[in-house]
Amino acid sequence: MKQTIQITLIKSLILNSVKNETFLRGQVTKAADGRLITEAYHEQAGDEAYQMAILNRGLYTNLEELKTHLSDYLADNGQTSSDNLYSVEEGDKIVLHIDVSSRFNKAFSSSLARLSSKYIEEAMLMDWWKPINEKQSALYAQFVERDLTAIRRCFNKTAPVAPVVPYTTSLEVYGSSVEIQVGHSETITYAISGGAIDDIEARTDDSHVACVVRSNEGFEVLGKNLGHARVELYSRHNEELSKTIHVYVIS
């Protein structure tokens, strides 16, 4: 059993977040050493065509890497090829469609979306700093691993739901007493809820006087010896459903 969840990523927000992070880092660089104005300028991701090309490549590359991590939690359908994890672009949106277990706790869907966006942002920053500042890139690599850990924690399963079995909720017996001659038998018939599973059983309080067995029509009661016995029809799954029939065995 599976269900499909959707994660919506906003491209402009991801790109803007990356630009803000690099801008802040550049400002810190200038503040620390006024001679590093040129270095700070080139640290900051801007809107130049070559920088946007780098950022867009990083966005889509890390989106695909995110998919590989999410693939660990796909609902298995026994097929080697399936559309159980794919993305669709809708203007500024990237919508991820993921088939997960039917017991996936949807309470974590919004958390998964935010953490996925954060993972892509910090993975982009890790890539941005690689040719510029290896120490800074390594720091974001740690953030990326932390993000992946948080993403994995989103995949919690709810407890299994007990199956609803349509056992009978009503029991009607035709007749409250029966007379049987020794060596003869009578059939006790009954009715249960429409469409319900028949879980009705029968027992006697005195098997010396009469015994009871199931038949095609209901339960067959055989008179064995003179006397009086009670036969109870009852539900195996609902103790409140029971009917008693008085059986008189005569000569």
C-alpha atoms as a PDB file:
ATOM      1  CA  MET A   1       0.000   0.000   0.000  1.00  0.00           C
ATOM      2  CA  LYS A   2       1.283   3.426  -0.899  1.00  0.00           C
ATOM      3  CA  GLN A   3       0.380   7.091  -1.006  1.00  0.00           C
ATOM      4  CA  THR A   4       1.795  10.008  -2.995  1.00  0.00           C
ATOM      5  CA  ILE A   5       3.109  13.083  -1.218  1.00  0.00           C
ATOM      6  CA  GLN A   6       4.165  16.325  -2.869  1.00  0.00           C
ATOM      7  CA  ILE A   7       7.057  18.600  -1.932  1.00  0.00           C
ATOM      8  CA  THR A   8       6.982  22.103  -3.391  1.00  0.00           C
ATOM      9  CA  LEU A   9      10.277  23.953  -3.786  1.00  0.00           C
ATOM     10  CA  ILE A  10      10.391  27.633  -4.797  1.00  0.00           C
ATOM     11  CA  LYS A  11      13.379  28.276  -7.062  1.00  0.00           C
ATOM     12  CA  SER A  12      13.535  32.053  -6.496  1.00  0.00           C
ATOM     13  CA  LEU A  13      13.564  31.602  -2.708  1.00  0.00           C
ATOM     14  CA  ILE A  14      16.374  29.052  -2.887  1.00  0.00           C
ATOM     15  CA  LEU A  15      18.474  31.263  -5.160  1.00  0.00           C
ATOM     16  CA  ASN A  16      17.802  34.328  -3.037  1.00  0.00           C
ATOM     17  CA  SER A  17      18.804  32.496   0.120  1.00  0.00           C
ATOM     18  CA  VAL A  18      22.111  31.461  -1.461  1.00  0.00           C
ATOM     19  CA  LYS A  19      22.781  35.034  -2.607  1.00  0.00           C
ATOM     20  CA  ASN A  20      22.012  36.377   0.883  1.00  0.00           C
ATOM     21  CA  GLU A  21      24.403  33.908   2.504  1.00  0.00           C
ATOM     22  CA  THR A  22      27.241  34.785   0.143  1.00  0.00           C
ATOM     23  CA  PHE A  23      26.511  38.508   0.506  1.00  0.00           C
ATOM     24  CA  LEU A  24      26.753  38.257   4.282  1.00  0.00           C
ATOM     25  CA  ARG A  25      30.010  36.335   4.023  1.00  0.00           C
ATOM     26  CA  GLY A  26      31.449  38.971   1.700  1.00  0.00           C
ATOM     27  CA  GLN A  27      30.475  41.749   4.114  1.00  0.00           C
ATOM     28  CA  VAL A  28      32.203  39.893   6.949  1.00  0.00           C
ATOM     29  CA  THR A  29      35.322  39.494   4.810  1.00  0.00           C
ATOM     30  CA  LYS A  30      35.424  43.267   4.119  1.00  0.00           C
ATOM     31  CA  ALA A  31      34.814  44.103   7.755  1.00  0.00           C
ATOM     32  CA  ALA A  32      37.624  41.800   8.882  1.00  0.00           C
ATOM     33  CA  ASP A  33      40.145  43.240   6.444  1.00  0.00           C
ATOM     34  CA  GLY A  34      39.447  46.376   4.421  1.00  0.00           C
ATOM     35  CA  ARG A  35      42.123  45.357   1.901  1.00  0.00           C
ATOM     36  CA  LEU A  36      39.984  42.380   0.748  1.00  0.00           C
ATOM     37  CA  ILE A  37      37.322  44.452  -1.040  1.00  0.00           C
ATOM     38  CA  THR A  38      37.898  42.724  -4.382  1.00  0.00           C
ATOM     39  CA  GLU A  39      37.897  39.260  -2.810  1.00  0.00           C
ATOM     40  CA  ALA A  40      34.668  40.050  -0.975  1.00  0.00           C
ATOM     41  CA  TYR A  41      33.059  41.278  -4.190  1.00  0.00           C
ATOM     42  CA  HIS A  42      33.745  38.011  -5.997  1.00  0.00           C
ATOM     43  CA  GLU A  43      32.652  35.928  -3.025  1.00  0.00           C
ATOM     44  CA  GLN A  44      29.166  37.351  -3.290  1.00  0.00           C
ATOM     45  CA  ALA A  45      26.840  35.575  -5.706  1.00  0.00           C
ATOM     46  CA  GLY A  46      25.210  38.146  -7.944  1.00  0.00           C
ATOM     47  CA  ASP A  47      23.008  38.334 -11.022  1.00  0.00           C
ATOM     48  CA  GLU A  48      25.773  38.170 -13.594  1.00  0.00           C
ATOM     49  CA  ALA A  49      25.079  35.626 -16.318  1.00  0.00           C
ATOM     50  CA  TYR A  50      28.023  33.366 -15.486  1.00  0.00           C
ATOM     51  CA  GLN A  51      27.175  33.386 -11.778  1.00  0.00           C
ATOM     52  CA  MET A  52      23.498  32.631 -12.450  1.00  0.00           C
ATOM     53  CA  ALA A  53      24.584  29.756 -14.675  1.00  0.00           C
ATOM     54  CA  ILE A  54      26.626  28.349 -11.786  1.00  0.00           C
ATOM     55  CA  LEU A  55      23.749  28.789  -9.346  1.00  0.00           C
ATOM     56  CA  ASN A  56      21.160  27.219 -11.643  1.00  0.00           C
ATOM     57  CA  ARG A  57      23.436  24.274 -12.341  1.00  0.00           C
ATOM     58  CA  GLY A  58      23.927  23.822  -8.597  1.00  0.00           C
ATOM     59  CA  LEU A  59      20.187  24.003  -7.947  1.00  0.00           C
ATOM     60  CA  TYR A  60      19.288  21.268 -10.433  1.00  0.00           C
ATOM     61  CA  THR A  61      22.301  19.080  -9.643  1.00  0.00           C
ATOM     62  CA  ASN A  62      21.536  19.081  -5.952  1.00  0.00           C
ATOM     63  CA  LEU A  63      17.843  18.532  -6.653  1.00  0.00           C
ATOM     64  CA  GLU A  64      18.795  15.308  -8.416  1.00  0.00           C
ATOM     65  CA  GLU A  65      21.052  14.335  -5.527  1.00  0.00           C
ATOM     66  CA  LEU A  66      18.158  14.923  -3.158  1.00  0.00           C
ATOM     67  CA  LYS A  67      16.081  12.482  -5.223  1.00  0.00           C
ATOM     68  CA  THR A  68      18.723   9.787  -4.787  1.00  0.00           C
ATOM     69  CA  HIS A  69      18.506  10.185  -1.002  1.00  0.00           C
ATOM     70  CA  LEU A  70      14.688  10.147  -1.049  1.00  0.00           C
ATOM     71  CA  SER A  71      14.711   6.968  -3.138  1.00  0.00           C
ATOM     72  CA  ASP A  72      15.528   4.988   0.017  1.00  0.00           C
ATOM     73  CA  TYR A  73      11.968   5.614   1.220  1.00  0.00           C
ATOM     74  CA  LEU A  74       9.973   4.875  -1.931  1.00  0.00           C
ATOM     75  CA  ALA A  75       7.068   2.463  -1.667  1.00  0.00           C
ATOM     76  CA  ASP A  76       8.158  -0.759  -3.357  1.00  0.00           C
ATOM     77  CA  ASN A  77       5.824  -1.930  -6.104  1.00  0.00           C
ATOM     78  CA  GLY A  78       8.007  -4.760  -7.390  1.00  0.00           C
ATOM     79  CA  GLN A  79       8.809  -2.955 -10.648  1.00  0.00           C
ATOM     80  CA  THR A  80      12.264  -2.022 -11.875  1.00  0.00           C
ATOM     81  CA  SER A  81      10.923   1.041 -13.688  1.00  0.00           C
ATOM     82  CA  SER A  82       8.197   3.277 -12.337  1.00  0.00           C
ATOM     83  CA  ASP A  83       7.148   6.907 -11.969  1.00  0.00           C
ATOM     84  CA  ASN A  84       7.299   6.761  -8.184  1.00  0.00           C
ATOM     85  CA  LEU A  85       9.707   9.715  -7.818  1.00  0.00           C
ATOM     86  CA  TYR A  86       9.684  12.591 -10.268  1.00  0.00           C
ATOM     87  CA  SER A  87       9.644  16.382 -10.384  1.00  0.00           C
ATOM     88  CA  VAL A  88       7.498  18.797 -12.366  1.00  0.00           C
ATOM     89  CA  GLU A  89       8.299  22.471 -12.948  1.00  0.00           C
ATOM     90  CA  GLU A  90       5.395  24.880 -12.665  1.00  0.00           C
ATOM     91  CA  GLY A  91       6.796  28.349 -13.276  1.00  0.00           C
ATOM     92  CA  ASP A  92       8.842  29.261 -10.209  1.00  0.00           C
ATOM     93  CA  LYS A  93       7.865  26.018  -8.497  1.00  0.00           C
ATOM     94  CA  ILE A  94       9.462  22.583  -8.578  1.00  0.00           C
ATOM     95  CA  VAL A  95       6.987  19.981  -7.335  1.00  0.00           C
ATOM     96  CA  LEU A  96       8.398  16.633  -6.249  1.00  0.00           C
ATOM     97  CA  HIS A  97       5.999  13.682  -6.387  1.00  0.00           C
ATOM     98  CA  ILE A  98       7.042  10.818  -4.105  1.00  0.00           C
ATOM     99  CA  ASP A  99       5.290   7.475  -3.598  1.00  0.00           C
ATOM    100  CA  VAL A 100       5.778   6.454   0.028  1.00  0.00           C
ATOM    101  CA  SER A 101       4.299   3.924   2.407  1.00  0.00           C
ATOM    102  CA  SER A 102       0.602   4.355   3.152  1.00  0.00           C
ATOM    103  CA  ARG A 103       1.686   4.566   6.797  1.00  0.00           C
ATOM    104  CA  PHE A 104       3.944   7.604   6.195  1.00  0.00           C
ATOM    105  CA  ASN A 105       2.989  10.209   8.769  1.00  0.00           C
ATOM    106  CA  LYS A 106       1.764  13.174   6.710  1.00  0.00           C
ATOM    107  CA  ALA A 107       2.299  15.449   9.702  1.00  0.00           C
ATOM    108  CA  PHE A 108       5.944  15.590   8.523  1.00  0.00           C
ATOM    109  CA  SER A 109       5.129  16.630   4.927  1.00  0.00           C
ATOM    110  CA  SER A 110       5.659  20.362   5.540  1.00  0.00           C
ATOM    111  CA  SER A 111       8.846  19.667   7.510  1.00  0.00           C
ATOM    112  CA  LEU A 112      10.121  17.515   4.664  1.00  0.00           C
ATOM    113  CA  ALA A 113       9.486  20.324   2.173  1.00  0.00           C
ATOM    114  CA  ARG A 114      11.337  22.925   4.266  1.00  0.00           C
ATOM    115  CA  LEU A 115      14.258  20.619   4.999  1.00  0.00           C
ATOM    116  CA  SER A 116      14.540  19.618   1.331  1.00  0.00           C
ATOM    117  CA  SER A 117      14.761  23.275   0.335  1.00  0.00           C
ATOM    118  CA  LYS A 118      17.353  23.880   3.064  1.00  0.00           C
ATOM    119  CA  TYR A 119      19.378  20.863   1.888  1.00  0.00           C
ATOM    120  CA  ILE A 120      19.537  22.212  -1.671  1.00  0.00           C
ATOM    121  CA  GLU A 121      20.494  25.714  -0.462  1.00  0.00           C
ATOM    122  CA  GLU A 122      23.349  24.497   1.727  1.00  0.00           C
ATOM    123  CA  ALA A 123      24.555  21.996  -0.862  1.00  0.00           C
ATOM    124  CA  MET A 124      24.674  24.877  -3.380  1.00  0.00           C
ATOM    125  CA  LEU A 125      26.682  26.952  -0.911  1.00  0.00           C
ATOM    126  CA  MET A 126      29.052  24.041  -0.354  1.00  0.00           C
ATOM    127  CA  ASP A 127      29.627  23.897  -4.120  1.00  0.00           C
ATOM    128  CA  TRP A 128      29.927  27.702  -4.405  1.00  0.00           C
ATOM    129  CA  TRP A 129      32.739  27.865  -1.863  1.00  0.00           C
ATOM    130  CA  LYS A 130      34.770  24.894  -3.174  1.00  0.00           C
ATOM    131  CA  PRO A 131      36.943  26.899  -5.602  1.00  0.00           C
ATOM    132  CA  ILE A 132      37.047  29.961  -3.332  1.00  0.00           C
ATOM    133  CA  ASN A 133      37.358  28.839   0.281  1.00  0.00           C
ATOM    134  CA  GLU A 134      37.764  25.155   1.090  1.00  0.00           C
ATOM    135  CA  LYS A 135      37.322  25.729   4.818  1.00  0.00           C
ATOM    136  CA  GLN A 136      33.997  27.461   4.233  1.00  0.00           C
ATOM    137  CA  SER A 137      32.922  24.685   1.832  1.00  0.00           C
ATOM    138  CA  ALA A 138      33.731  22.035   4.442  1.00  0.00           C
ATOM    139  CA  LEU A 139      31.560  23.884   6.950  1.00  0.00           C
ATOM    140  CA  TYR A 140      28.564  23.720   4.621  1.00  0.00           C
ATOM    141  CA  ALA A 141      29.310  20.062   3.927  1.00  0.00           C
ATOM    142  CA  GLN A 142      28.646  19.465   7.638  1.00  0.00           C
ATOM    143  CA  PHE A 143      25.376  21.394   7.340  1.00  0.00           C
ATOM    144  CA  VAL A 144      24.357  19.231   4.380  1.00  0.00           C
ATOM    145  CA  GLU A 145      24.897  16.034   6.398  1.00  0.00           C
ATOM    146  CA  ARG A 146      22.838  17.486   9.236  1.00  0.00           C
ATOM    147  CA  ASP A 147      20.057  18.309   6.785  1.00  0.00           C
ATOM    148  CA  LEU A 148      20.066  14.744   5.441  1.00  0.00           C
ATOM    149  CA  THR A 149      19.774  13.378   8.961  1.00  0.00           C
ATOM    150  CA  ALA A 150      16.752  15.618   9.595  1.00  0.00           C
ATOM    151  CA  ILE A 151      15.187  14.573   6.278  1.00  0.00           C
ATOM    152  CA  ARG A 152      15.573  10.900   7.166  1.00  0.00           C
ATOM    153  CA  ARG A 153      13.844  11.521  10.485  1.00  0.00           C
ATOM    154  CA  CYS A 154      10.788  12.813   8.618  1.00  0.00           C
ATOM    155  CA  PHE A 155      10.078   9.332   7.326  1.00  0.00           C
ATOM    156  CA  ASN A 156       8.174   8.033  10.315  1.00  0.00           C
ATOM    157  CA  LYS A 157       5.519   5.379   9.943  1.00  0.00           C
ATOM    158  CA  THR A 158       2.282   5.467  11.856  1.00  0.00           C
ATOM    159  CA  ALA A 159       1.179   2.369  13.733  1.00  0.00           C
ATOM    160  CA  PRO A 160      -0.549  -0.301  11.628  1.00  0.00           C
ATOM    161  CA  VAL A 161      -4.304   0.192  11.386  1.00  0.00           C
ATOM    162  CA  ALA A 162      -6.268  -2.805  12.564  1.00  0.00           C
ATOM    163  CA  PRO A 163      -8.370  -4.251   9.734  1.00  0.00           C
ATOM    164  CA  VAL A 164     -12.104  -3.746  10.003  1.00  0.00           C
ATOM    165  CA  VAL A 165     -13.674  -7.199   9.772  1.00  0.00           C
ATOM    166  CA  PRO A 166     -17.454  -7.193   9.184  1.00  0.00           C
ATOM    167  CA  TYR A 167     -18.445  -9.681  11.837  1.00  0.00           C
ATOM    168  CA  THR A 168     -22.130  -9.827  12.640  1.00  0.00           C
ATOM    169  CA  THR A 169     -23.660  -7.226  14.923  1.00  0.00           C
ATOM    170  CA  SER A 170     -27.087  -8.833  15.273  1.00  0.00           C
ATOM    171  CA  LEU A 171     -28.414 -12.310  15.906  1.00  0.00           C
ATOM    172  CA  GLU A 172     -31.990 -13.526  15.562  1.00  0.00           C
ATOM    173  CA  VAL A 173     -33.038 -17.089  16.392  1.00  0.00           C
ATOM    174  CA  TYR A 174     -36.309 -18.530  15.127  1.00  0.00           C
ATOM    175  CA  GLY A 175     -37.972 -20.009  18.200  1.00  0.00           C
ATOM    176  CA  SER A 176     -37.046 -20.093  21.878  1.00  0.00           C
ATOM    177  CA  SER A 177     -37.716 -23.783  22.623  1.00  0.00           C
ATOM    178  CA  VAL A 178     -37.901 -27.113  20.826  1.00  0.00           C
ATOM    179  CA  GLU A 179     -39.125 -30.627  21.646  1.00  0.00           C
ATOM    180  CA  ILE A 180     -37.193 -33.588  20.307  1.00  0.00           C
ATOM    181  CA  GLN A 181     -37.761 -37.291  20.639  1.00  0.00           C
ATOM    182  CA  VAL A 182     -34.874 -39.441  21.776  1.00  0.00           C
ATOM    183  CA  GLY A 183     -32.802 -40.384  18.735  1.00  0.00           C
ATOM    184  CA  HIS A 184     -34.285 -37.650  16.574  1.00  0.00           C
ATOM    185  CA  SER A 185     -33.030 -34.190  15.696  1.00  0.00           C
ATOM    186  CA  GLU A 186     -34.294 -30.699  14.982  1.00  0.00           C
ATOM    187  CA  THR A 187     -32.606 -27.802  13.188  1.00  0.00           C
ATOM    188  CA  ILE A 188     -32.241 -24.425  14.868  1.00  0.00           C
ATOM    189  CA  THR A 189     -32.095 -21.635  12.270  1.00  0.00           C
ATOM    190  CA  TYR A 190     -30.908 -18.082  12.793  1.00  0.00           C
ATOM    191  CA  ALA A 191     -30.220 -14.822  10.942  1.00  0.00           C
ATOM    192  CA  ILE A 192     -27.344 -12.350  11.199  1.00  0.00           C
ATOM    193  CA  SER A 193     -26.554  -8.875   9.838  1.00  0.00           C
ATOM    194  CA  GLY A 194     -26.667  -8.589   6.074  1.00  0.00           C
ATOM    195  CA  GLY A 195     -23.237  -8.996   4.466  1.00  0.00           C
ATOM    196  CA  ALA A 196     -21.609  -9.940   7.771  1.00  0.00           C
ATOM    197  CA  ILE A 197     -19.191 -12.804   8.362  1.00  0.00           C
ATOM    198  CA  ASP A 198     -20.933 -15.680  10.083  1.00  0.00           C
ATOM    199  CA  ASP A 199     -19.043 -16.256  13.330  1.00  0.00           C
ATOM    200  CA  ILE A 200     -21.934 -17.875  15.225  1.00  0.00           C
ATOM    201  CA  GLU A 201     -21.219 -20.991  17.256  1.00  0.00           C
ATOM    202  CA  ALA A 202     -23.436 -23.212  19.439  1.00  0.00           C
ATOM    203  CA  ARG A 203     -22.960 -25.132  22.694  1.00  0.00           C
ATOM    204  CA  THR A 204     -25.127 -27.070  25.101  1.00  0.00           C
ATOM    205  CA  ASP A 205     -25.065 -27.073  28.878  1.00  0.00           C
ATOM    206  CA  ASP A 206     -25.867 -30.793  29.068  1.00  0.00           C
ATOM    207  CA  SER A 207     -24.383 -32.969  26.350  1.00  0.00           C
ATOM    208  CA  HIS A 208     -25.867 -36.057  28.058  1.00  0.00           C
ATOM    209  CA  VAL A 209     -29.355 -34.870  27.113  1.00  0.00           C
ATOM    210  CA  ALA A 210     -28.619 -33.269  23.712  1.00  0.00           C
ATOM    211  CA  CYS A 211     -25.708 -32.550  21.410  1.00  0.00           C
ATOM    212  CA  VAL A 212     -25.446 -29.846  18.768  1.00  0.00           C
ATOM    213  CA  VAL A 213     -23.545 -29.720  15.463  1.00  0.00           C
ATOM    214  CA  ARG A 214     -23.483 -27.272  12.582  1.00  0.00           C
ATOM    215  CA  SER A 215     -25.568 -28.042   9.505  1.00  0.00           C
ATOM    216  CA  ASN A 216     -26.181 -26.324   6.186  1.00  0.00           C
ATOM    217  CA  GLU A 217     -29.325 -24.672   7.524  1.00  0.00           C
ATOM    218  CA  GLY A 218     -28.055 -23.719  10.968  1.00  0.00           C
ATOM    219  CA  PHE A 219     -27.406 -26.031  13.928  1.00  0.00           C
ATOM    220  CA  GLU A 220     -28.765 -29.554  14.283  1.00  0.00           C
ATOM    221  CA  VAL A 221     -29.732 -30.640  17.815  1.00  0.00           C
ATOM    222  CA  LEU A 222     -29.859 -34.386  18.486  1.00  0.00           C
ATOM    223  CA  GLY A 223     -31.889 -35.721  21.384  1.00  0.00           C
ATOM    224  CA  LYS A 224     -29.866 -38.335  23.287  1.00  0.00           C
ATOM    225  CA  ASN A 225     -31.638 -38.905  26.576  1.00  0.00           C
ATOM    226  CA  LEU A 226     -34.796 -37.715  28.311  1.00  0.00           C
ATOM    227  CA  GLY A 227     -34.413 -34.365  29.957  1.00  0.00           C
ATOM    228  CA  HIS A 228     -33.948 -30.642  29.492  1.00  0.00           C
ATOM    229  CA  ALA A 229     -30.890 -28.835  28.111  1.00  0.00           C
ATOM    230  CA  ARG A 230     -30.083 -25.312  27.080  1.00  0.00           C
ATOM    231  CA  VAL A 231     -28.446 -24.616  23.727  1.00  0.00           C
ATOM    232  CA  GLU A 232     -26.718 -21.256  23.400  1.00  0.00           C
ATOM    233  CA  LEU A 233     -25.959 -19.617  20.065  1.00  0.00           C
ATOM    234  CA  TYR A 234     -23.252 -16.955  20.403  1.00  0.00           C
ATOM    235  CA  SER A 235     -20.833 -14.797  18.431  1.00  0.00           C
ATOM    236  CA  ARG A 236     -17.144 -15.629  18.719  1.00  0.00           C
ATOM    237  CA  HIS A 237     -16.227 -11.936  18.466  1.00  0.00           C
ATOM    238  CA  ASN A 238     -19.038 -10.218  20.349  1.00  0.00           C
ATOM    239  CA  GLU A 239     -19.886 -11.640  23.756  1.00  0.00           C
ATOM    240  CA  GLU A 240     -23.056  -9.563  23.911  1.00  0.00           C
ATOM    241  CA  LEU A 241     -24.575 -11.493  21.027  1.00  0.00           C
ATOM    242  CA  SER A 242     -26.095 -14.709  22.350  1.00  0.00           C
ATOM    243  CA  LYS A 243     -29.437 -16.485  22.317  1.00  0.00           C
ATOM    244  CA  THR A 244     -30.613 -19.421  24.420  1.00  0.00           C
ATOM    245  CA  ILE A 245     -32.961 -22.157  23.168  1.00  0.00           C
ATOM    246  CA  HIS A 246     -34.564 -24.611  25.578  1.00  0.00           C
ATOM    247  CA  VAL A 247     -34.415 -28.194  24.347  1.00  0.00           C
ATOM    248  CA  TYR A 248     -36.808 -30.800  25.779  1.00  0.00           C
ATOM    249  CA  VAL A 249     -36.028 -34.387  24.908  1.00  0.00           C
ATOM    250  CA  ILE A 250     -39.104 -36.596  25.183  1.00  0.00           C
ATOM    251  CA  SER A 251     -39.865 -40.234  24.557  1.00  0.00           C
END
